PDB file of all heavy atoms in Angstrom:
ATOM      1  N   ALA A   1       0.833  -1.248  -0.005  1.00  0.00           N
ATOM      2  CA  ALA A   1      -0.015   0.007  -0.003  1.00  0.00           C
ATOM      3  C   ALA A   1       0.843   1.296  -0.023  1.00  0.00           C
ATOM      4  O   ALA A   1       0.324   2.375   0.125  1.00  0.00           O
ATOM      5  CB  ALA A   1      -0.924  -0.021   1.230  1.00  0.00           C
ATOM      6  N   GLU A   2       2.147   1.099  -0.143  1.00  0.00           N
ATOM      7  CA  GLU A   2       3.104   2.243  -0.109  1.00  0.00           C
ATOM      8  C   GLU A   2       3.065   3.054   1.139  1.00  0.00           C
ATOM      9  O   GLU A   2       3.087   4.272   1.147  1.00  0.00           O
ATOM     10  CB  GLU A   2       2.940   3.109  -1.382  1.00  0.00           C
ATOM     11  CG  GLU A   2       3.273   2.360  -2.668  1.00  0.00           C
ATOM     12  CD  GLU A   2       3.626   3.237  -3.839  1.00  0.00           C
ATOM     13  OE1 GLU A   2       3.458   4.493  -3.764  1.00  0.00           O
ATOM     14  OE2 GLU A   2       4.139   2.706  -4.835  1.00  0.00           O
ATOM     15  N   ASP A   3       3.014   2.302   2.262  1.00  0.00           N
ATOM     16  CA  ASP A   3       3.028   2.888   3.608  1.00  0.00           C
ATOM     17  C   ASP A   3       4.410   2.670   4.173  1.00  0.00           C
ATOM     18  O   ASP A   3       4.872   1.508   4.231  1.00  0.00           O
ATOM     19  CB  ASP A   3       1.924   2.215   4.442  1.00  0.00           C
ATOM     20  CG  ASP A   3       1.828   2.759   5.847  1.00  0.00           C
ATOM     21  OD1 ASP A   3       2.730   3.504   6.313  1.00  0.00           O
ATOM     22  OD2 ASP A   3       0.830   2.415   6.514  1.00  0.00           O
ATOM     23  N   THR A   4       5.088   3.715   4.570  1.00  0.00           N
ATOM     24  CA  THR A   4       6.451   3.581   5.114  1.00  0.00           C
ATOM     25  C   THR A   4       6.494   3.207   6.586  1.00  0.00           C
ATOM     26  O   THR A   4       7.577   2.994   7.147  1.00  0.00           O
ATOM     27  CB  THR A   4       7.224   4.913   4.942  1.00  0.00           C
ATOM     28  OG1 THR A   4       6.547   5.955   5.689  1.00  0.00           O
ATOM     29  CG2 THR A   4       7.342   5.306   3.491  1.00  0.00           C
ATOM     30  N   THR A   5       5.333   3.052   7.215  1.00  0.00           N
ATOM     31  CA  THR A   5       5.277   2.787   8.681  1.00  0.00           C
ATOM     32  C   THR A   5       6.154   1.631   9.112  1.00  0.00           C
ATOM     33  O   THR A   5       6.862   1.741  10.100  1.00  0.00           O
ATOM     34  CB  THR A   5       3.819   2.518   9.119  1.00  0.00           C
ATOM     35  OG1 THR A   5       3.043   3.692   8.787  1.00  0.00           O
ATOM     36  CG2 THR A   5       3.728   2.218  10.587  1.00  0.00           C
ATOM     37  N   PRO A   6       6.186   0.482   8.394  1.00  0.00           N
ATOM     38  CA  PRO A   6       7.029  -0.638   8.914  1.00  0.00           C
ATOM     39  C   PRO A   6       8.499  -0.255   9.013  1.00  0.00           C
ATOM     40  O   PRO A   6       9.193  -0.730   9.910  1.00  0.00           O
ATOM     41  CB  PRO A   6       6.791  -1.746   7.870  1.00  0.00           C
ATOM     42  CG  PRO A   6       5.525  -1.417   7.248  1.00  0.00           C
ATOM     43  CD  PRO A   6       5.403   0.079   7.244  1.00  0.00           C
ATOM     44  N   TYR A   7       8.990   0.555   8.116  1.00  0.00           N
ATOM     45  CA  TYR A   7      10.413   0.969   8.166  1.00  0.00           C
ATOM     46  C   TYR A   7      10.657   1.838   9.398  1.00  0.00           C
ATOM     47  O   TYR A   7      11.713   1.716  10.032  1.00  0.00           O
ATOM     48  CB  TYR A   7      10.806   1.689   6.880  1.00  0.00           C
ATOM     49  CG  TYR A   7      10.769   0.864   5.631  1.00  0.00           C
ATOM     50  CD1 TYR A   7       9.770   1.049   4.701  1.00  0.00           C
ATOM     51  CD2 TYR A   7      11.731  -0.139   5.410  1.00  0.00           C
ATOM     52  CE1 TYR A   7       9.724   0.256   3.562  1.00  0.00           C
ATOM     53  CE2 TYR A   7      11.686  -0.933   4.284  1.00  0.00           C
ATOM     54  CZ  TYR A   7      10.681  -0.718   3.342  1.00  0.00           C
ATOM     55  OH  TYR A   7      10.658  -1.484   2.206  1.00  0.00           O
ATOM     56  N   ALA A   8       9.700   2.690   9.700  1.00  0.00           N
ATOM     57  CA  ALA A   8       9.878   3.567  10.852  1.00  0.00           C
ATOM     58  C   ALA A   8       9.686   2.818  12.186  1.00  0.00           C
ATOM     59  O   ALA A   8      10.384   3.098  13.158  1.00  0.00           O
ATOM     60  CB  ALA A   8       8.865   4.709  10.779  1.00  0.00           C
ATOM     61  N   LYS A   9       8.745   1.878  12.202  1.00  0.00           N
ATOM     62  CA  LYS A   9       8.445   1.130  13.445  1.00  0.00           C
ATOM     63  C   LYS A   9       9.365  -0.039  13.737  1.00  0.00           C
ATOM     64  O   LYS A   9       9.298  -0.586  14.841  1.00  0.00           O
ATOM     65  CB  LYS A   9       6.988   0.600  13.383  1.00  0.00           C
ATOM     66  CG  LYS A   9       5.943   1.627  13.592  1.00  0.00           C
ATOM     67  CD  LYS A   9       4.594   0.916  13.603  1.00  0.00           C
ATOM     68  CE  LYS A   9       3.659   1.547  14.612  1.00  0.00           C
ATOM     69  NZ  LYS A   9       2.369   0.828  14.706  1.00  0.00           N
ATOM     70  N   ALA A  10      10.143  -0.436  12.789  1.00  0.00           N
ATOM     71  CA  ALA A  10      11.028  -1.606  12.940  1.00  0.00           C
ATOM     72  C   ALA A  10      11.912  -1.427  14.191  1.00  0.00           C
ATOM     73  O   ALA A  10      12.566  -0.375  14.306  1.00  0.00           O
ATOM     74  CB  ALA A  10      11.892  -1.821  11.719  1.00  0.00           C
ATOM     75  N   ILE A  11      11.905  -2.387  15.080  1.00  0.00           N
ATOM     76  CA  ILE A  11      12.741  -2.287  16.276  1.00  0.00           C
ATOM     77  C   ILE A  11      14.139  -2.827  15.919  1.00  0.00           C
ATOM     78  O   ILE A  11      14.319  -3.633  14.979  1.00  0.00           O
ATOM     79  CB  ILE A  11      12.136  -3.040  17.469  1.00  0.00           C
ATOM     80  CG1 ILE A  11      12.008  -4.545  17.156  1.00  0.00           C
ATOM     81  CG2 ILE A  11      10.806  -2.434  17.886  1.00  0.00           C
ATOM     82  CD1 ILE A  11      11.620  -5.374  18.381  1.00  0.00           C
ATOM     83  N   PRO A  12      15.137  -2.419  16.658  1.00  0.00           N
ATOM     84  CA  PRO A  12      16.484  -2.927  16.447  1.00  0.00           C
ATOM     85  C   PRO A  12      16.568  -4.408  16.724  1.00  0.00           C
ATOM     86  O   PRO A  12      15.914  -4.939  17.628  1.00  0.00           O
ATOM     87  CB  PRO A  12      17.347  -2.156  17.472  1.00  0.00           C
ATOM     88  CG  PRO A  12      16.553  -0.921  17.734  1.00  0.00           C
ATOM     89  CD  PRO A  12      15.126  -1.313  17.626  1.00  0.00           C
ATOM     90  N   LEU A  13      17.366  -5.129  15.968  1.00  0.00           N
ATOM     91  CA  LEU A  13      17.536  -6.564  16.137  1.00  0.00           C
ATOM     92  C   LEU A  13      18.730  -6.909  17.026  1.00  0.00           C
ATOM     93  O   LEU A  13      18.961  -8.070  17.327  1.00  0.00           O
ATOM     94  CB  LEU A  13      17.717  -7.262  14.768  1.00  0.00           C
ATOM     95  CG  LEU A  13      16.416  -7.463  13.992  1.00  0.00           C
ATOM     96  CD1 LEU A  13      16.690  -7.853  12.570  1.00  0.00           C
ATOM     97  CD2 LEU A  13      15.554  -8.510  14.702  1.00  0.00           C
ATOM     98  N   LEU A  14      19.500  -5.885  17.423  1.00  0.00           N
ATOM     99  CA  LEU A  14      20.573  -6.133  18.367  1.00  0.00           C
ATOM    100  C   LEU A  14      20.751  -4.863  19.261  1.00  0.00           C
ATOM    101  O   LEU A  14      20.111  -3.868  19.013  1.00  0.00           O
ATOM    102  CB  LEU A  14      21.904  -6.496  17.711  1.00  0.00           C
ATOM    103  CG  LEU A  14      22.345  -5.762  16.482  1.00  0.00           C
ATOM    104  CD1 LEU A  14      23.855  -5.586  16.465  1.00  0.00           C
ATOM    105  CD2 LEU A  14      21.967  -6.602  15.281  1.00  0.00           C
ATOM    106  N   HIS A  15      21.553  -5.011  20.222  1.00  0.00           N
ATOM    107  CA  HIS A  15      21.792  -3.885  21.165  1.00  0.00           C
ATOM    108  C   HIS A  15      22.615  -2.846  20.438  1.00  0.00           C
ATOM    109  O   HIS A  15      23.808  -2.955  20.277  1.00  0.00           O
ATOM    110  CB  HIS A  15      22.513  -4.384  22.421  1.00  0.00           C
ATOM    111  CG  HIS A  15      22.518  -3.433  23.532  1.00  0.00           C
ATOM    112  ND1 HIS A  15      23.592  -2.626  23.795  1.00  0.00           N
ATOM    113  CD2 HIS A  15      21.576  -3.135  24.481  1.00  0.00           C
ATOM    114  CE1 HIS A  15      23.330  -1.854  24.800  1.00  0.00           C
ATOM    115  NE2 HIS A  15      22.103  -2.131  25.270  1.00  0.00           N
ATOM    116  N   LEU A  16      21.958  -1.784  19.976  1.00  0.00           N
ATOM    117  CA  LEU A  16      22.590  -0.839  19.059  1.00  0.00           C
ATOM    118  C   LEU A  16      23.629   0.055  19.731  1.00  0.00           C
ATOM    119  O   LEU A  16      24.573   0.463  19.090  1.00  0.00           O
ATOM    120  CB  LEU A  16      21.546  -0.045  18.334  1.00  0.00           C
ATOM    121  CG  LEU A  16      20.715  -0.838  17.324  1.00  0.00           C
ATOM    122  CD1 LEU A  16      19.755   0.084  16.574  1.00  0.00           C
ATOM    123  CD2 LEU A  16      21.577  -1.606  16.356  1.00  0.00           C
ATOM    124  N   SER A  17      23.515   0.328  21.050  1.00  0.00           N
ATOM    125  CA  SER A  17      24.544   1.125  21.634  1.00  0.00           C
ATOM    126  C   SER A  17      25.889   0.344  21.699  1.00  0.00           C
ATOM    127  O   SER A  17      26.960   0.935  21.514  1.00  0.00           O
ATOM    128  CB  SER A  17      24.145   1.632  23.028  1.00  0.00           C
ATOM    129  OG  SER A  17      23.906   0.560  23.911  1.00  0.00           O
ATOM    130  N   SER A  18      25.794  -0.972  21.926  1.00  0.00           N
ATOM    131  CA  SER A  18      26.972  -1.805  21.894  1.00  0.00           C
ATOM    132  C   SER A  18      27.538  -1.888  20.483  1.00  0.00           C
ATOM    133  O   SER A  18      28.781  -1.802  20.265  1.00  0.00           O
ATOM    134  CB  SER A  18      26.653  -3.244  22.370  1.00  0.00           C
ATOM    135  OG  SER A  18      26.254  -3.213  23.710  1.00  0.00           O
ATOM    136  N   LEU A  19      26.650  -2.012  19.492  1.00  0.00           N
ATOM    137  CA  LEU A  19      27.076  -2.032  18.101  1.00  0.00           C
ATOM    138  C   LEU A  19      27.764  -0.724  17.744  1.00  0.00           C
ATOM    139  O   LEU A  19      28.850  -0.734  17.147  1.00  0.00           O
ATOM    140  CB  LEU A  19      25.886  -2.295  17.148  1.00  0.00           C
ATOM    141  CG  LEU A  19      26.209  -2.266  15.682  1.00  0.00           C
ATOM    142  CD1 LEU A  19      27.178  -3.389  15.283  1.00  0.00           C
ATOM    143  CD2 LEU A  19      24.947  -2.330  14.855  1.00  0.00           C
ATOM    144  N   ALA A  20      27.163   0.381  18.146  1.00  0.00           N
ATOM    145  CA  ALA A  20      27.776   1.685  17.807  1.00  0.00           C
ATOM    146  C   ALA A  20      29.133   1.841  18.404  1.00  0.00           C
ATOM    147  O   ALA A  20      30.090   2.332  17.742  1.00  0.00           O
ATOM    148  CB  ALA A  20      26.827   2.824  18.297  1.00  0.00           C
ATOM    149  N   ARG A  21      29.324   1.469  19.656  1.00  0.00           N
ATOM    150  CA  ARG A  21      30.629   1.549  20.314  1.00  0.00           C
ATOM    151  C   ARG A  21      31.653   0.750  19.520  1.00  0.00           C
ATOM    152  O   ARG A  21      32.789   1.216  19.268  1.00  0.00           O
ATOM    153  CB  ARG A  21      30.583   1.095  21.770  1.00  0.00           C
ATOM    154  CG  ARG A  21      30.032   2.141  22.712  1.00  0.00           C
ATOM    155  CD  ARG A  21      30.239   1.800  24.174  1.00  0.00           C
ATOM    156  NE  ARG A  21      29.602   0.561  24.563  1.00  0.00           N
ATOM    157  CZ  ARG A  21      28.347   0.410  24.886  1.00  0.00           C
ATOM    158  NH1 ARG A  21      27.547   1.471  24.896  1.00  0.00           N
ATOM    159  NH2 ARG A  21      27.848  -0.759  25.255  1.00  0.00           N
ATOM    160  N   LYS A  22      31.262  -0.477  19.102  1.00  0.00           N
ATOM    161  CA  LYS A  22      32.184  -1.332  18.382  1.00  0.00           C
ATOM    162  C   LYS A  22      32.534  -0.755  17.014  1.00  0.00           C
ATOM    163  O   LYS A  22      33.664  -0.733  16.571  1.00  0.00           O
ATOM    164  CB  LYS A  22      31.641  -2.753  18.280  1.00  0.00           C
ATOM    165  CG  LYS A  22      32.592  -3.722  17.647  1.00  0.00           C
ATOM    166  CD  LYS A  22      33.864  -3.882  18.440  1.00  0.00           C
ATOM    167  CE  LYS A  22      34.857  -4.808  17.767  1.00  0.00           C
ATOM    168  NZ  LYS A  22      36.184  -4.730  18.376  1.00  0.00           N
ATOM    169  N   LEU A  23      31.490  -0.281  16.311  1.00  0.00           N
ATOM    170  CA  LEU A  23      31.701   0.292  14.993  1.00  0.00           C
ATOM    171  C   LEU A  23      32.596   1.547  15.061  1.00  0.00           C
ATOM    172  O   LEU A  23      33.478   1.719  14.236  1.00  0.00           O
ATOM    173  CB  LEU A  23      30.364   0.628  14.328  1.00  0.00           C
ATOM    174  CG  LEU A  23      29.516  -0.590  13.936  1.00  0.00           C
ATOM    175  CD1 LEU A  23      28.216  -0.122  13.334  1.00  0.00           C
ATOM    176  CD2 LEU A  23      30.242  -1.557  13.037  1.00  0.00           C
ATOM    177  N   ASN A  24      32.356   2.379  16.055  1.00  0.00           N
ATOM    178  CA  ASN A  24      33.163   3.594  16.200  1.00  0.00           C
ATOM    179  C   ASN A  24      34.639   3.224  16.451  1.00  0.00           C
ATOM    180  O   ASN A  24      35.533   3.870  15.949  1.00  0.00           O
ATOM    181  CB  ASN A  24      32.624   4.485  17.276  1.00  0.00           C
ATOM    182  CG  ASN A  24      31.332   5.202  16.805  1.00  0.00           C
ATOM    183  OD1 ASN A  24      31.179   5.515  15.649  1.00  0.00           O
ATOM    184  ND2 ASN A  24      30.401   5.358  17.713  1.00  0.00           N
ATOM    185  N   ALA A  25      34.868   2.190  17.256  1.00  0.00           N
ATOM    186  CA  ALA A  25      36.228   1.726  17.511  1.00  0.00           C
ATOM    187  C   ALA A  25      36.887   1.196  16.258  1.00  0.00           C
ATOM    188  O   ALA A  25      38.033   1.481  15.960  1.00  0.00           O
ATOM    189  CB  ALA A  25      36.242   0.659  18.636  1.00  0.00           C
ATOM    190  N   LEU A  26      36.109   0.417  15.472  1.00  0.00           N
ATOM    191  CA  LEU A  26      36.664  -0.136  14.221  1.00  0.00           C
ATOM    192  C   LEU A  26      36.973   1.027  13.235  1.00  0.00           C
ATOM    193  O   LEU A  26      38.023   0.979  12.557  1.00  0.00           O
ATOM    194  CB  LEU A  26      35.687  -1.123  13.596  1.00  0.00           C
ATOM    195  CG  LEU A  26      35.600  -2.460  14.342  1.00  0.00           C
ATOM    196  CD1 LEU A  26      34.341  -3.225  13.894  1.00  0.00           C
ATOM    197  CD2 LEU A  26      36.829  -3.289  14.102  1.00  0.00           C
ATOM    198  N   GLN A  27      36.072   1.999  13.212  1.00  0.00           N
ATOM    199  CA  GLN A  27      36.334   3.157  12.322  1.00  0.00           C
ATOM    200  C   GLN A  27      37.586   3.939  12.743  1.00  0.00           C
ATOM    201  O   GLN A  27      38.388   4.324  11.906  1.00  0.00           O
ATOM    202  CB  GLN A  27      35.111   4.063  12.316  1.00  0.00           C
ATOM    203  CG  GLN A  27      35.069   5.035  11.167  1.00  0.00           C
ATOM    204  CD  GLN A  27      33.745   5.777  11.116  1.00  0.00           C
ATOM    205  OE1 GLN A  27      33.229   6.213  12.132  1.00  0.00           O
ATOM    206  NE2 GLN A  27      33.196   5.923   9.906  1.00  0.00           N
ATOM    207  N   ARG A  28      37.768   4.059  14.050  1.00  0.00           N
ATOM    208  CA  ARG A  28      38.997   4.737  14.528  1.00  0.00           C
ATOM    209  C   ARG A  28      40.253   3.932  14.151  1.00  0.00           C
ATOM    210  O   ARG A  28      41.313   4.505  14.011  1.00  0.00           O
ATOM    211  CB  ARG A  28      38.948   4.895  16.054  1.00  0.00           C
ATOM    212  CG  ARG A  28      38.079   6.038  16.509  1.00  0.00           C
ATOM    213  CD  ARG A  28      38.248   6.349  17.995  1.00  0.00           C
ATOM    214  NE  ARG A  28      37.939   5.219  18.864  1.00  0.00           N
ATOM    215  CZ  ARG A  28      36.752   4.867  19.309  1.00  0.00           C
ATOM    216  NH1 ARG A  28      35.695   5.608  18.968  1.00  0.00           N
ATOM    217  NH2 ARG A  28      36.610   3.831  20.086  1.00  0.00           N
ATOM    218  N   ASN A  29      40.094   2.625  13.990  1.00  0.00           N
ATOM    219  CA  ASN A  29      41.220   1.773  13.585  1.00  0.00           C
ATOM    220  C   ASN A  29      41.347   1.604  12.090  1.00  0.00           C
ATOM    221  O   ASN A  29      42.139   0.762  11.617  1.00  0.00           O
ATOM    222  CB  ASN A  29      41.080   0.397  14.263  1.00  0.00           C
ATOM    223  CG  ASN A  29      41.385   0.480  15.714  1.00  0.00           C
ATOM    224  OD1 ASN A  29      42.328   1.157  16.168  1.00  0.00           O
ATOM    225  ND2 ASN A  29      40.607  -0.191  16.566  1.00  0.00           N
ATOM    226  N   GLY A  30      40.621   2.415  11.326  1.00  0.00           N
ATOM    227  CA  GLY A  30      40.856   2.471   9.878  1.00  0.00           C
ATOM    228  C   GLY A  30      39.790   1.810   9.005  1.00  0.00           C
ATOM    229  O   GLY A  30      39.927   1.852   7.750  1.00  0.00           O
ATOM    230  N   TYR A  31      38.791   1.184   9.551  1.00  0.00           N
ATOM    231  CA  TYR A  31      37.746   0.564   8.765  1.00  0.00           C
ATOM    232  C   TYR A  31      36.747   1.599   8.322  1.00  0.00           C
ATOM    233  O   TYR A  31      36.458   2.546   9.045  1.00  0.00           O
ATOM    234  CB  TYR A  31      37.007  -0.531   9.569  1.00  0.00           C
ATOM    235  CG  TYR A  31      37.819  -1.774   9.782  1.00  0.00           C
ATOM    236  CD1 TYR A  31      38.673  -1.862  10.918  1.00  0.00           C
ATOM    237  CD2 TYR A  31      37.755  -2.836   8.914  1.00  0.00           C
ATOM    238  CE1 TYR A  31      39.429  -2.991  11.127  1.00  0.00           C
ATOM    239  CE2 TYR A  31      38.518  -3.983   9.148  1.00  0.00           C
ATOM    240  CZ  TYR A  31      39.337  -4.046  10.251  1.00  0.00           C
ATOM    241  OH  TYR A  31      40.124  -5.184  10.488  1.00  0.00           O
ATOM    242  N   ASP A  32      36.188   1.387   7.132  1.00  0.00           N
ATOM    243  CA  ASP A  32      35.032   2.194   6.675  1.00  0.00           C
ATOM    244  C   ASP A  32      33.763   1.482   7.087  1.00  0.00           C
ATOM    245  O   ASP A  32      33.756   0.238   7.162  1.00  0.00           O
ATOM    246  CB  ASP A  32      35.080   2.406   5.169  1.00  0.00           C
ATOM    247  CG  ASP A  32      36.154   3.391   4.752  1.00  0.00           C
ATOM    248  OD1 ASP A  32      36.593   4.194   5.532  1.00  0.00           O
ATOM    249  OD2 ASP A  32      36.552   3.335   3.542  1.00  0.00           O
ATOM    250  N   LEU A  33      32.699   2.217   7.240  1.00  0.00           N
ATOM    251  CA  LEU A  33      31.419   1.674   7.655  1.00  0.00           C
ATOM    252  C   LEU A  33      30.365   2.040   6.599  1.00  0.00           C
ATOM    253  O   LEU A  33      30.309   3.234   6.188  1.00  0.00           O
ATOM    254  CB  LEU A  33      30.995   2.207   9.020  1.00  0.00           C
ATOM    255  CG  LEU A  33      31.999   1.991  10.156  1.00  0.00           C
ATOM    256  CD1 LEU A  33      31.502   2.669  11.429  1.00  0.00           C
ATOM    257  CD2 LEU A  33      32.245   0.491  10.390  1.00  0.00           C
ATOM    258  N   ALA A  34      29.518   1.084   6.219  1.00  0.00           N
ATOM    259  CA  ALA A  34      28.570   1.341   5.184  1.00  0.00           C
ATOM    260  C   ALA A  34      27.244   0.605   5.405  1.00  0.00           C
ATOM    261  O   ALA A  34      27.223  -0.438   6.063  1.00  0.00           O
ATOM    262  CB  ALA A  34      29.103   0.974   3.804  1.00  0.00           C
ATOM    263  N   ILE A  35      26.210   1.170   4.844  1.00  0.00           N
ATOM    264  CA  ILE A  35      24.886   0.537   4.799  1.00  0.00           C
ATOM    265  C   ILE A  35      24.615   0.265   3.308  1.00  0.00           C
ATOM    266  O   ILE A  35      24.833   1.125   2.458  1.00  0.00           O
ATOM    267  CB  ILE A  35      23.784   1.487   5.308  1.00  0.00           C
ATOM    268  CG1 ILE A  35      23.944   1.722   6.796  1.00  0.00           C
ATOM    269  CG2 ILE A  35      22.379   0.973   4.990  1.00  0.00           C
ATOM    270  CD1 ILE A  35      23.606   0.536   7.694  1.00  0.00           C
ATOM    271  N   ILE A  36      24.133  -0.957   3.011  1.00  0.00           N
ATOM    272  CA  ILE A  36      23.610  -1.249   1.693  1.00  0.00           C
ATOM    273  C   ILE A  36      22.246  -1.862   1.874  1.00  0.00           C
ATOM    274  O   ILE A  36      22.110  -2.967   2.419  1.00  0.00           O
ATOM    275  CB  ILE A  36      24.481  -2.302   0.921  1.00  0.00           C
ATOM    276  CG1 ILE A  36      25.966  -1.871   0.854  1.00  0.00           C
ATOM    277  CG2 ILE A  36      23.925  -2.506  -0.501  1.00  0.00           C
ATOM    278  CD1 ILE A  36      26.882  -2.951   0.291  1.00  0.00           C
ATOM    279  N   SER A  37      21.204  -1.109   1.552  1.00  0.00           N
ATOM    280  CA  SER A  37      19.844  -1.557   1.817  1.00  0.00           C
ATOM    281  C   SER A  37      18.954  -1.398   0.595  1.00  0.00           C
ATOM    282  O   SER A  37      19.151  -0.468  -0.190  1.00  0.00           O
ATOM    283  CB  SER A  37      19.257  -0.724   2.979  1.00  0.00           C
ATOM    284  OG  SER A  37      18.015  -1.163   3.377  1.00  0.00           O
ATOM    285  N   TRP A  38      18.067  -2.329   0.437  1.00  0.00           N
ATOM    286  CA  TRP A  38      17.121  -2.296  -0.688  1.00  0.00           C
ATOM    287  C   TRP A  38      15.882  -1.530  -0.358  1.00  0.00           C
ATOM    288  O   TRP A  38      15.411  -1.513   0.788  1.00  0.00           O
ATOM    289  CB  TRP A  38      16.742  -3.698  -1.098  1.00  0.00           C
ATOM    290  CG  TRP A  38      17.743  -4.513  -1.808  1.00  0.00           C
ATOM    291  CD1 TRP A  38      18.866  -4.070  -2.477  1.00  0.00           C
ATOM    292  CD2 TRP A  38      17.747  -5.916  -1.994  1.00  0.00           C
ATOM    293  NE1 TRP A  38      19.546  -5.114  -3.036  1.00  0.00           N
ATOM    294  CE2 TRP A  38      18.850  -6.266  -2.763  1.00  0.00           C
ATOM    295  CE3 TRP A  38      16.883  -6.943  -1.589  1.00  0.00           C
ATOM    296  CZ2 TRP A  38      19.158  -7.574  -3.112  1.00  0.00           C
ATOM    297  CZ3 TRP A  38      17.190  -8.249  -1.940  1.00  0.00           C
ATOM    298  CH2 TRP A  38      18.318  -8.563  -2.690  1.00  0.00           C
ATOM    299  N   LEU A  39      15.272  -0.965  -1.370  1.00  0.00           N
ATOM    300  CA  LEU A  39      13.903  -0.429  -1.277  1.00  0.00           C
ATOM    301  C   LEU A  39      12.963  -1.579  -1.362  1.00  0.00           C
ATOM    302  O   LEU A  39      13.363  -2.739  -1.587  1.00  0.00           O
ATOM    303  CB  LEU A  39      13.693   0.572  -2.445  1.00  0.00           C
ATOM    304  CG  LEU A  39      14.549   1.808  -2.401  1.00  0.00           C
ATOM    305  CD1 LEU A  39      14.553   2.534  -3.748  1.00  0.00           C
ATOM    306  CD2 LEU A  39      14.056   2.737  -1.285  1.00  0.00           C
TER     307      LEU A  39
END
């Protein structure tokens, strides 16, 4: 029905503050971070 609600309401599948801390540490160590998502 072209309603974007599910994308907005989707809950996180993991503890995102822990993920963010780890990703920020990896980025500080030279890794790039990316999202690849489909419509």
